[in-house]
Protein backbone atom coordinates (compact mmCIF):
# COMPACT_ATOMS: atom_id res chain seq x y z
CA UNK A 1 -15.81 79.16 85.29
CA UNK A 2 -14.33 76.28 86.42
CA UNK A 3 -11.14 74.77 83.99
CA UNK A 4 -11.90 71.91 81.92
CA UNK A 5 -8.95 70.21 83.73
CA UNK A 6 -6.34 70.80 86.53
CA UNK A 7 -3.25 69.17 87.48
CA UNK A 8 -2.74 69.79 91.50
CA UNK A 9 0.63 68.77 92.59
CA UNK A 10 1.33 65.81 89.98
CA UNK A 11 4.68 63.91 90.87
CA UNK A 12 5.99 60.64 89.05
CA UNK A 13 8.89 58.86 89.67
CA UNK A 14 10.83 56.18 87.60
CA UNK A 15 13.21 54.26 89.71
CA UNK A 16 16.21 57.16 91.09
CA UNK A 17 14.88 59.61 88.29
CA UNK A 18 11.80 62.25 88.97
CA UNK A 19 9.97 62.96 85.76
CA UNK A 20 7.62 65.12 87.13
CA UNK A 21 8.06 67.28 90.42
CA UNK A 22 4.76 68.64 92.03
CA UNK A 23 3.39 70.09 88.74
CA UNK A 24 0.49 72.16 89.01
CA UNK A 25 -1.54 73.98 86.40
CA UNK A 26 -4.90 74.23 84.43
CA UNK A 27 -6.27 73.67 81.20
CA UNK A 28 -9.04 76.22 79.77
CA UNK A 29 -12.33 75.36 77.73
CA UNK A 30 -11.69 76.39 73.99
CA UNK A 31 -8.19 77.32 74.08
CA UNK A 32 -5.26 75.80 72.45
CA UNK A 33 -2.57 75.43 75.38
CA UNK A 34 1.05 74.91 74.32
CA UNK A 35 3.03 72.53 76.29
CA UNK A 36 7.17 72.68 75.47
CA UNK A 37 10.12 71.71 77.44
CA UNK A 38 13.34 70.34 76.44
CA UNK A 39 13.18 66.45 75.91
CA UNK A 40 13.43 64.75 79.22
CA UNK A 41 11.40 68.23 81.10
CA UNK A 42 8.27 65.53 81.49
CA UNK A 43 6.35 66.42 79.01
CA UNK A 44 5.19 62.52 77.68
CA UNK A 45 5.31 61.49 81.51
CA UNK A 46 2.21 64.63 81.47
CA UNK A 47 0.33 62.85 78.48
CA UNK A 48 0.49 59.88 79.74
CA UNK A 49 -0.75 60.44 83.27
CA UNK A 50 -3.92 62.80 81.46
CA UNK A 51 -4.26 59.87 79.17
CA UNK A 52 -4.43 57.30 81.80
CA UNK A 53 -1.59 55.00 80.27
CA UNK A 54 0.09 55.63 83.86
CA UNK A 55 -0.60 56.71 87.35
CA UNK A 56 1.26 59.71 89.33
CA UNK A 57 2.64 58.78 92.58
CA UNK A 58 1.08 62.17 93.84
CA UNK A 59 -1.55 64.91 93.59
CA UNK A 60 -4.31 64.50 91.28
CA UNK A 61 -6.55 65.28 88.47
CA UNK A 62 -9.68 67.42 88.53
CA UNK A 63 -12.22 67.44 85.29
CA UNK A 64 -14.60 70.29 85.57
CA UNK A 65 -13.92 70.38 88.82
CA UNK A 66 -14.22 67.11 90.27
CA UNK A 67 -11.27 65.00 91.31
CA UNK A 68 -10.64 61.84 88.98
CA UNK A 69 -8.75 58.91 88.96
CA UNK A 70 -7.98 58.35 85.47
CA UNK A 71 -6.66 54.42 85.33
CA UNK A 72 -7.19 53.59 81.76
CA UNK A 73 -6.86 54.82 78.29
CA UNK A 74 -10.42 53.96 77.91
CA UNK A 75 -10.98 55.87 81.34
CA UNK A 76 -9.28 59.16 79.70
CA UNK A 77 -11.42 58.15 76.20
CA UNK A 78 -15.17 58.72 78.47
CA UNK A 79 -14.13 61.79 80.14
CA UNK A 80 -13.26 63.10 76.69
CA UNK A 81 -9.50 63.27 76.73
CA UNK A 82 -7.86 62.00 73.21
CA UNK A 83 -4.09 62.11 72.57
CA UNK A 84 -2.64 61.38 69.04
CA UNK A 85 0.70 61.22 68.74
CA UNK A 86 3.89 62.27 66.38
CA UNK A 87 4.54 58.30 65.13
CA UNK A 88 0.99 56.59 64.54
CA UNK A 89 0.31 53.16 65.46
CA UNK A 90 -2.09 51.84 62.06
CA UNK A 91 -2.71 48.79 60.31
CA UNK A 92 -1.49 49.07 57.15
CA UNK A 93 -3.71 46.66 55.32
CA UNK A 94 -6.88 48.25 56.64
CA UNK A 95 -8.88 51.41 54.64
CA UNK A 96 -8.14 54.62 56.20
CA UNK A 97 -11.74 54.47 57.57
CA UNK A 98 -10.98 51.00 59.14
CA UNK A 99 -7.99 52.68 60.90
CA UNK A 100 -9.98 55.73 61.99
CA UNK A 101 -12.45 53.66 63.58
CA UNK A 102 -10.59 51.11 64.94
CA UNK A 103 -12.07 49.00 68.00
CA UNK A 104 -15.03 51.32 67.50
CA UNK A 105 -16.98 50.67 64.22
CA UNK A 106 -20.55 52.33 64.26
CA UNK A 107 -23.24 49.79 64.48
CA UNK A 108 -26.56 49.03 62.65
CA UNK A 109 -29.92 47.71 63.82
CA UNK A 110 -28.48 44.26 63.90
CA UNK A 111 -25.25 45.15 65.26
CA UNK A 112 -23.27 44.51 62.36
CA UNK A 113 -20.82 47.44 61.08
CA UNK A 114 -22.28 50.39 59.33
CA UNK A 115 -19.93 50.40 56.55
CA UNK A 116 -21.98 53.60 55.11
CA UNK A 117 -21.77 55.86 58.19
CA UNK A 118 -18.28 55.09 58.90
CA UNK A 119 -17.18 55.88 55.18
CA UNK A 120 -19.27 59.09 55.19
CA UNK A 121 -18.02 60.33 58.65
CA UNK A 122 -14.40 59.65 58.03
CA UNK A 123 -14.94 61.45 54.39
CA UNK A 124 -16.33 64.10 56.20
CA UNK A 125 -13.42 64.39 58.81
CA UNK A 126 -10.81 64.44 55.29
CA UNK A 127 -12.45 66.79 53.68
CA UNK A 128 -12.04 69.36 56.27
CA UNK A 129 -8.57 68.49 57.18
CA UNK A 130 -8.21 69.34 53.45
CA UNK A 131 -6.04 65.53 52.61
CA UNK A 132 -6.35 64.13 49.01
CA UNK A 133 -6.83 60.64 49.78
CA UNK A 134 -10.62 59.28 50.46
CA UNK A 135 -12.00 56.80 53.13
CA UNK A 136 -11.59 53.92 51.17
CA UNK A 137 -7.61 54.51 50.67
CA UNK A 138 -5.26 51.28 51.59
CA UNK A 139 -2.97 52.72 54.47
CA UNK A 140 -0.50 51.15 53.16
CA UNK A 141 0.23 53.25 50.24
CA UNK A 142 0.19 56.43 52.45
CA UNK A 143 3.32 57.70 53.25
CA UNK A 144 4.51 59.44 56.34
CA UNK A 145 2.62 62.88 56.63
CA UNK A 146 -0.82 61.56 54.99
CA UNK A 147 -0.72 58.99 57.73
CA UNK A 148 -0.16 61.62 60.33
CA UNK A 149 -3.09 63.48 58.89
CA UNK A 150 -5.07 59.89 59.27
CA UNK A 151 -4.36 59.98 62.87
CA UNK A 152 -5.89 63.66 62.89
CA UNK A 153 -8.99 62.44 61.50
CA UNK A 154 -9.05 59.29 63.99
CA UNK A 155 -8.65 62.14 67.34
CA UNK A 156 -11.00 64.30 65.49
CA UNK A 157 -13.68 61.36 65.14
CA UNK A 158 -14.11 60.51 69.14
CA UNK A 159 -16.00 63.48 71.07
CA UNK A 160 -13.14 64.98 72.52
CA UNK A 161 -13.24 67.49 74.82
CA UNK A 162 -9.50 67.48 75.38
CA UNK A 163 -7.43 66.52 72.36
CA UNK A 164 -3.57 66.05 73.41
CA UNK A 165 -1.16 66.66 69.82
CA UNK A 166 2.23 65.63 70.24
CA UNK A 167 4.42 67.22 67.36
CA UNK A 168 1.31 66.62 64.99
CA UNK A 169 3.19 69.01 61.93
CA UNK A 170 6.42 66.94 62.25
CA UNK A 171 5.93 64.97 58.91
CA UNK A 172 3.56 67.82 57.38
CA UNK A 173 4.09 70.39 54.51
CA UNK A 174 3.61 74.06 55.34
CA UNK A 175 0.14 73.88 53.36
CA UNK A 176 -0.65 70.90 55.32
CA UNK A 177 0.17 72.53 58.64
CA UNK A 178 -1.89 75.38 57.23
CA UNK A 179 -5.06 73.06 57.07
CA UNK A 180 -4.48 71.85 60.48
CA UNK A 181 -4.66 74.93 62.30
CA UNK A 182 -7.39 75.98 60.29
CA UNK A 183 -9.06 72.60 61.83
CA UNK A 184 -7.64 73.35 65.32
CA UNK A 185 -9.00 76.73 65.61
CA UNK A 186 -12.24 75.27 64.43
CA UNK A 187 -12.48 73.04 67.25
CA UNK A 188 -11.45 75.47 69.50
CA UNK A 189 -14.59 78.00 68.45
CA UNK A 190 -16.39 74.57 69.32
CA UNK A 191 -15.24 75.01 72.91
CA UNK A 192 -12.32 71.85 72.66
CA UNK A 193 -9.51 72.49 74.70
CA UNK A 194 -6.20 71.74 73.01
CA UNK A 195 -2.83 70.65 74.42
CA UNK A 196 -0.40 71.08 71.92
CA UNK A 197 3.10 70.35 71.95
CA UNK A 198 5.58 70.96 69.65
CA UNK A 199 9.66 71.85 69.63
CA UNK A 200 8.64 74.57 66.85
CA UNK A 201 8.26 77.86 69.17
CA UNK A 202 7.12 79.50 65.75
CA UNK A 203 3.69 77.46 65.75
CA UNK A 204 3.59 77.93 69.52
CA UNK A 205 3.53 81.46 68.87
CA UNK A 206 0.98 81.16 65.82
CA UNK A 207 -1.55 78.65 67.44
CA UNK A 208 -1.42 78.91 71.16
CA UNK A 209 -3.28 81.08 73.68
CA UNK A 210 -1.63 79.80 76.63
CA UNK A 211 2.13 78.46 77.37
CA UNK A 212 3.23 76.27 79.79
CA UNK A 213 6.93 75.56 80.39
CA UNK A 214 8.34 72.53 81.89
CA UNK A 215 11.82 71.72 83.09
CA UNK A 216 13.63 68.99 84.55
CA UNK A 217 10.06 67.60 85.60
CA UNK A 218 9.29 71.22 87.29
CA UNK A 219 6.88 73.55 86.15
CA UNK A 220 8.31 76.62 85.81
CA UNK A 221 5.50 79.19 84.01
CA UNK A 222 1.95 79.21 82.67
CA UNK A 223 1.56 82.59 80.66
CA UNK A 224 -0.66 84.17 78.27
CA UNK A 225 1.74 83.26 74.90
CA UNK A 226 1.13 86.80 73.85
CA UNK A 227 3.28 87.66 77.06
CA UNK A 228 6.00 84.98 75.89
CA UNK A 229 8.59 85.95 73.20
CA UNK A 230 11.07 83.29 71.82
CA UNK A 231 13.76 84.18 73.55
CA UNK A 232 11.84 84.11 77.10
CA UNK A 233 10.59 80.66 76.23
CA UNK A 234 14.07 79.66 75.34
CA UNK A 235 15.35 80.78 78.57
CA UNK A 236 12.56 79.41 81.05
CA UNK A 237 13.22 76.10 78.76
CA UNK A 238 16.90 75.67 79.15
CA UNK A 239 17.35 77.94 82.22
CA UNK A 240 19.93 80.00 80.59
CA UNK A 241 19.80 82.70 77.46
CA UNK A 242 20.70 81.01 74.23
CA UNK A 243 23.19 83.29 72.27
CA UNK A 244 21.91 82.25 69.01
CA UNK A 245 19.93 79.04 67.90
CA UNK A 246 21.79 79.09 64.76
CA UNK A 247 25.21 79.53 66.01
CA UNK A 248 27.02 80.01 62.70
CA UNK A 249 30.90 80.27 62.19
CA UNK A 250 32.56 81.74 59.56
CA UNK A 251 33.87 79.19 56.99
CA UNK A 252 36.47 79.61 54.24
CA UNK A 253 34.52 78.43 50.74
CA UNK A 254 36.80 76.32 49.21
CA UNK A 255 36.91 74.40 45.70
CA UNK A 256 33.95 72.25 44.15
CA UNK A 257 34.15 68.66 46.13
CA UNK A 258 30.75 67.14 44.80
CA UNK A 259 29.52 68.01 41.28
CA UNK A 260 25.39 66.67 40.12
CA UNK A 261 24.94 66.85 36.68
CA UNK A 262 21.24 66.08 35.34
CA UNK A 263 20.37 63.41 38.08
CA UNK A 264 17.11 61.56 37.56
CA UNK A 265 15.14 58.61 38.82
CA UNK A 266 12.07 57.75 36.75
CA UNK A 267 8.75 59.60 38.33
CA UNK A 268 10.77 60.72 40.98
CA UNK A 269 12.89 63.50 40.16
CA UNK A 270 14.84 64.72 37.05
CA UNK A 271 17.54 67.02 35.82
CA UNK A 272 18.87 67.99 39.03
CA UNK A 273 22.39 69.44 38.38
CA UNK A 274 24.22 71.63 41.38
CA UNK A 275 27.87 72.03 43.28
CA UNK A 276 29.03 71.45 46.69
CA UNK A 277 32.19 73.35 47.83
CA UNK A 278 34.25 72.33 50.95
CA UNK A 279 33.51 74.39 53.65
CA UNK A 280 30.11 75.04 52.25
CA UNK A 281 26.60 74.07 54.00
CA UNK A 282 23.99 74.29 51.54
CA UNK A 283 20.40 73.86 52.75
CA UNK A 284 18.11 72.01 50.52
CA UNK A 285 14.62 72.84 51.43
CA UNK A 286 10.93 72.41 49.57
CA UNK A 287 7.80 70.80 50.45
CA UNK A 288 7.02 67.32 52.02
CA UNK A 289 7.11 65.03 48.80
CA UNK A 290 9.58 67.47 46.77
CA UNK A 291 12.12 64.86 46.05
CA UNK A 292 14.86 66.32 48.29
CA UNK A 293 15.08 62.71 50.69
CA UNK A 294 14.81 60.89 47.10
CA UNK A 295 17.60 63.11 45.91
CA UNK A 296 19.57 62.34 48.86
CA UNK A 297 19.20 58.63 48.80
CA UNK A 298 20.35 58.08 45.23
CA UNK A 299 23.31 59.87 45.44
CA UNK A 300 24.57 57.90 48.49
CA UNK A 301 23.48 55.14 46.59
CA UNK A 302 20.41 53.54 48.74
CA UNK A 303 18.10 54.22 45.60
CA UNK A 304 19.00 54.02 41.71
CA UNK A 305 19.84 56.59 39.34
CA UNK A 306 18.30 56.34 36.10
CA UNK A 307 20.46 59.09 34.91
CA UNK A 308 22.88 62.10 35.23
CA UNK A 309 26.70 62.00 36.21
CA UNK A 310 28.67 62.75 39.95
CA UNK A 311 32.03 63.81 40.34
CA UNK A 312 33.85 64.03 43.93
CA UNK A 313 36.95 65.69 43.80
CA UNK A 314 37.11 65.80 40.28
CA UNK A 315 36.75 62.08 39.81
CA UNK A 316 33.80 60.49 38.20
CA UNK A 317 31.59 58.27 41.08
CA UNK A 318 28.87 55.65 40.45
CA UNK A 319 26.93 55.43 43.74
CA UNK A 320 26.26 51.92 43.39
CA UNK A 321 25.70 51.21 47.06
CA UNK A 322 26.22 53.30 50.51
CA UNK A 323 29.69 51.37 51.00
CA UNK A 324 31.18 52.60 47.80
CA UNK A 325 30.05 56.20 48.81
CA UNK A 326 31.60 55.84 52.10
CA UNK A 327 34.79 54.69 50.42
CA UNK A 328 34.62 58.06 48.52
CA UNK A 329 34.18 60.05 51.94
CA UNK A 330 30.32 60.87 51.44
CA UNK A 331 27.74 59.86 54.39
CA UNK A 332 24.26 60.04 54.72
CA UNK A 333 22.21 60.78 57.96
CA UNK A 334 19.05 59.57 57.05
CA UNK A 335 15.37 61.07 58.27
CA UNK A 336 14.05 58.23 59.79
CA UNK A 337 16.74 57.82 62.60
CA UNK A 338 15.08 55.13 64.39
CA UNK A 339 14.72 52.54 61.63
CA UNK A 340 17.31 53.58 59.26
CA UNK A 341 20.00 55.03 61.12
CA UNK A 342 20.10 53.11 64.64
CA UNK A 343 20.08 49.72 65.64
CA UNK A 344 18.27 49.96 68.47
CA UNK A 345 18.85 47.07 70.90
CA UNK A 346 22.36 48.06 70.29
CA UNK A 347 24.77 50.23 72.70
CA UNK A 348 25.93 53.65 72.04
CA UNK A 349 29.62 51.96 71.24
CA UNK A 350 27.95 49.36 69.00
CA UNK A 351 26.09 52.16 66.98
CA UNK A 352 28.96 54.61 67.06
CA UNK A 353 31.86 51.88 65.56
CA UNK A 354 29.66 50.57 62.78
CA UNK A 355 30.72 52.46 59.73
CA UNK A 356 34.30 51.69 61.01
CA UNK A 357 34.24 48.14 61.92
CA UNK A 358 37.11 47.45 59.62
CA UNK A 359 39.39 50.16 61.47
CA UNK A 360 37.91 48.14 64.60
CA UNK A 361 38.66 44.70 64.11
CA UNK A 362 42.19 43.79 63.01
CA UNK A 363 42.13 40.12 61.85
CA UNK A 364 38.00 39.63 62.17
CA UNK A 365 38.43 40.62 66.17
CA UNK A 366 37.01 43.38 67.46
CA UNK A 367 38.54 45.26 69.98
CA UNK A 368 36.01 46.50 72.44
CA UNK A 369 38.72 49.27 74.02
CA UNK A 370 39.07 50.66 71.04
CA UNK A 371 35.20 50.89 70.50
CA UNK A 372 34.32 52.43 73.91
CA UNK A 373 37.43 54.41 73.23
CA UNK A 374 35.63 56.12 70.19
CA UNK A 375 31.91 56.16 71.50
CA UNK A 376 33.67 58.17 74.46
CA UNK A 377 35.37 60.71 72.50
CA UNK A 378 31.96 61.47 70.74
CA UNK A 379 29.87 61.34 73.70
CA UNK A 380 32.30 64.13 74.99
CA UNK A 381 32.39 66.14 71.40
CA UNK A 382 28.27 66.31 70.88
CA UNK A 383 27.66 66.27 74.48
CA UNK A 384 25.61 62.79 74.12
CA UNK A 385 24.01 62.16 77.48
CA UNK A 386 24.51 58.48 78.13
CA UNK A 387 25.55 57.02 81.60
CA UNK A 388 28.21 54.74 79.65
CA UNK A 389 29.44 53.74 76.42
CA UNK A 390 27.45 50.22 77.33
CA UNK A 391 23.96 52.25 77.55
CA UNK A 392 21.35 50.81 75.17
CA UNK A 393 20.52 53.42 72.42
CA UNK A 394 16.59 52.69 72.52
CA UNK A 395 16.71 54.16 76.33
CA UNK A 396 18.41 57.66 75.14
CA UNK A 397 15.78 60.76 74.58
CA UNK A 398 15.43 61.57 70.91
CA UNK A 399 17.97 64.04 70.61
CA UNK A 400 21.01 61.92 71.98
CA UNK A 401 19.77 59.35 69.77
CA UNK A 402 20.19 61.62 66.96
CA UNK A 403 23.54 62.77 68.45
CA UNK A 404 24.71 58.90 68.11
CA UNK A 405 23.42 58.68 64.51
CA UNK A 406 25.49 61.46 63.59
CA UNK A 407 28.62 60.40 65.64
CA UNK A 408 28.68 57.18 63.34
CA UNK A 409 28.93 58.95 60.35
CA UNK A 410 31.64 61.37 61.73
CA UNK A 411 33.86 57.92 62.99
CA UNK A 412 34.48 57.49 58.98
CA UNK A 413 35.79 60.79 59.06
CA UNK A 414 33.82 61.59 55.48
CA UNK A 415 34.58 64.86 53.42
CA UNK A 416 30.80 65.22 52.30
CA UNK A 417 28.16 64.77 54.98
CA UNK A 418 24.29 64.98 53.79
CA UNK A 419 21.90 65.63 56.58
CA UNK A 420 18.21 64.66 56.09
CA UNK A 421 16.15 66.46 58.94
CA UNK A 422 19.13 66.19 61.70
CA UNK A 423 17.12 67.87 64.36
CA UNK A 424 13.81 66.41 63.32
CA UNK A 425 11.43 66.23 66.76
CA UNK A 426 14.56 67.42 69.18
CA UNK A 427 14.53 70.13 72.13
CA UNK A 428 15.49 73.62 71.78
CA UNK A 429 18.76 73.03 73.55
CA UNK A 430 19.77 69.92 71.71
CA UNK A 431 18.89 71.57 68.72
CA UNK A 432 21.15 74.47 69.25
CA UNK A 433 24.16 72.10 70.12
CA UNK A 434 23.21 69.88 66.68
CA UNK A 435 23.54 73.65 64.75
CA UNK A 436 27.13 74.26 66.44
CA UNK A 437 28.37 70.92 65.79
CA UNK A 438 27.12 71.32 62.45
CA UNK A 439 28.63 74.95 62.15
CA UNK A 440 32.07 73.53 63.86
CA UNK A 441 31.98 70.56 61.08
CA UNK A 442 31.76 72.93 58.06
CA UNK A 443 34.17 75.54 59.87
CA UNK A 444 36.87 72.60 59.85
CA UNK A 445 36.37 71.65 56.30
CA UNK A 446 33.64 69.55 56.12
CA UNK A 447 30.63 70.07 52.90
CA UNK A 448 27.53 70.05 53.93
CA UNK A 449 24.53 69.24 52.22
CA UNK A 450 21.28 70.30 54.97
CA UNK A 451 17.66 69.34 53.87
CA UNK A 452 15.07 70.54 56.24
CA UNK A 453 11.54 71.42 56.43
CA UNK A 454 12.12 74.06 58.96
CA UNK A 455 12.71 76.99 57.28
CA UNK A 456 14.30 79.28 59.82
CA UNK A 457 16.85 76.46 60.22
CA UNK A 458 17.72 76.25 56.32
CA UNK A 459 18.18 80.06 56.53
CA UNK A 460 20.30 80.02 59.74
CA UNK A 461 22.55 77.85 59.03
CA UNK A 462 23.46 77.66 54.93
CA UNK A 463 25.80 79.53 52.85
CA UNK A 464 23.21 78.88 49.82
CA UNK A 465 19.67 77.45 49.45
CA UNK A 466 18.20 75.05 46.42
CA UNK A 467 14.72 74.78 46.52
CA UNK A 468 13.03 71.76 45.00
CA UNK A 469 9.66 71.27 43.52
CA UNK A 470 7.76 68.38 42.32
CA UNK A 471 10.80 66.73 41.36
CA UNK A 472 13.03 69.33 40.26
CA UNK A 473 15.30 72.02 40.98
CA UNK A 474 13.04 75.59 41.33
CA UNK A 475 15.65 77.98 42.59
CA UNK A 476 19.02 78.55 43.69
CA UNK A 477 19.63 81.35 46.21
CA UNK A 478 22.53 82.90 47.92
CA UNK A 479 22.65 83.35 51.82
CA UNK A 480 22.37 86.80 51.14
CA UNK A 481 19.02 86.39 48.66
CA UNK A 482 17.21 83.56 50.71
CA UNK A 483 14.49 84.72 52.71
CA UNK A 484 11.13 82.83 54.02
CA UNK A 485 9.08 84.40 51.04
CA UNK A 486 11.34 83.47 48.53
CA UNK A 487 11.67 79.77 49.90
CA UNK A 488 7.73 79.47 49.78
CA UNK A 489 7.59 81.23 46.36
CA UNK A 490 10.14 79.07 44.91
CA UNK A 491 8.39 75.51 46.30
CA UNK A 492 5.16 76.65 45.49
CA UNK A 493 6.18 77.23 41.91
CA UNK A 494 5.63 81.41 41.95
CA UNK A 495 7.46 82.59 38.69
CA UNK A 496 8.27 85.44 40.82
CA UNK A 497 10.86 83.25 43.11
CA UNK A 498 12.81 81.81 40.18
CA UNK A 499 13.02 85.45 38.20
């Protein structure tokens, strides 16, 4: 039997950069085909070729054994090739149903929109996904995770034969991920082919039938998932063995640096109390919506605290603004790096210097040479891949953008650093670099509060783990006590975890 889609010698270049070089592999019907590789390996370019966004310079595609030129996304849709992306584009002032069927509303006899058919069709899709919002829900009121689930419903609403899922679980809770995987397996049983792109190798192992590895634009391997353990996938992706994905250095845990007592924000979180010590990495775990990010934003002075007290180095601290927090040695790397952490049209140097501009602008005049020197220092220390400090941040890969955000706050020389999803959406090699940096900073005496949805990251990097559930602290676990089972039990509200 012919494969559903076959790539034959596909190459694509952009200027002097070869994004894909002679890539050939096939995608079978009724199978989940994982596509893995570091940022810059060629995954995005390959998706754009499959969906008709760009055309290959050499090579081509076969669909059901027949050569096809996919000249546009409309051509791809007609062939049953549909993609859903990590950061969906939505119409916030329309309902969920209107977004799902945007541009292709079902029509009645008089060619008017068949609103009943549209709502009922979307309601059925949402029920399959196990979500708690309906077809008439305004999209503006949905969070990131719910918007991602709506994008999944949008992709499923078309008669897809090949569904490409680009980091579909990045913003989902474990329960939502489980619901998604059930849906994916149901689609596989119907004969739909799934291309699944994820940096989370545990998801690849759980879901994929076949794994294709790309490295530097070349096809490295396509093998059954059962024959590719994590270590081998990592080796194929980066061209070298990683001694550890979580290279944790030994750090001397010192005195209490930050103390929180009874923190509360009406309707968001309440009675949050904990200590952070010098040189300690404290993991803050919990499902999406548990209040982790909201606690961090309140401590940093972005959001309001309605009750509670904070101390830094034994002195009271009132988080009136991020500037006040920064003056007390507290920095915060936000989850949404693109909209909250970076000014994308500006250079690496300009972004790196933002938190320390007063030091670089004596008498109100910027010293460009000092700004460039600062950026070069962090480009070297954090291994930021950029042509120069003048390169625009928008043109960097996601992992390098994250490193620029980190360099901005490290330039301020904080004593306490809150990291909110610091490796969200970055590849395995970059993730190991970020972990190495975090560990080295803690070993040097920096106090770190690490918020992450990835349990392996929490377990691998934390000296102590705090677990949140529905706006409250549900458990505190030492490194020795912390396991995936205990954290999930605490996050789900099971009594056994708190005991």
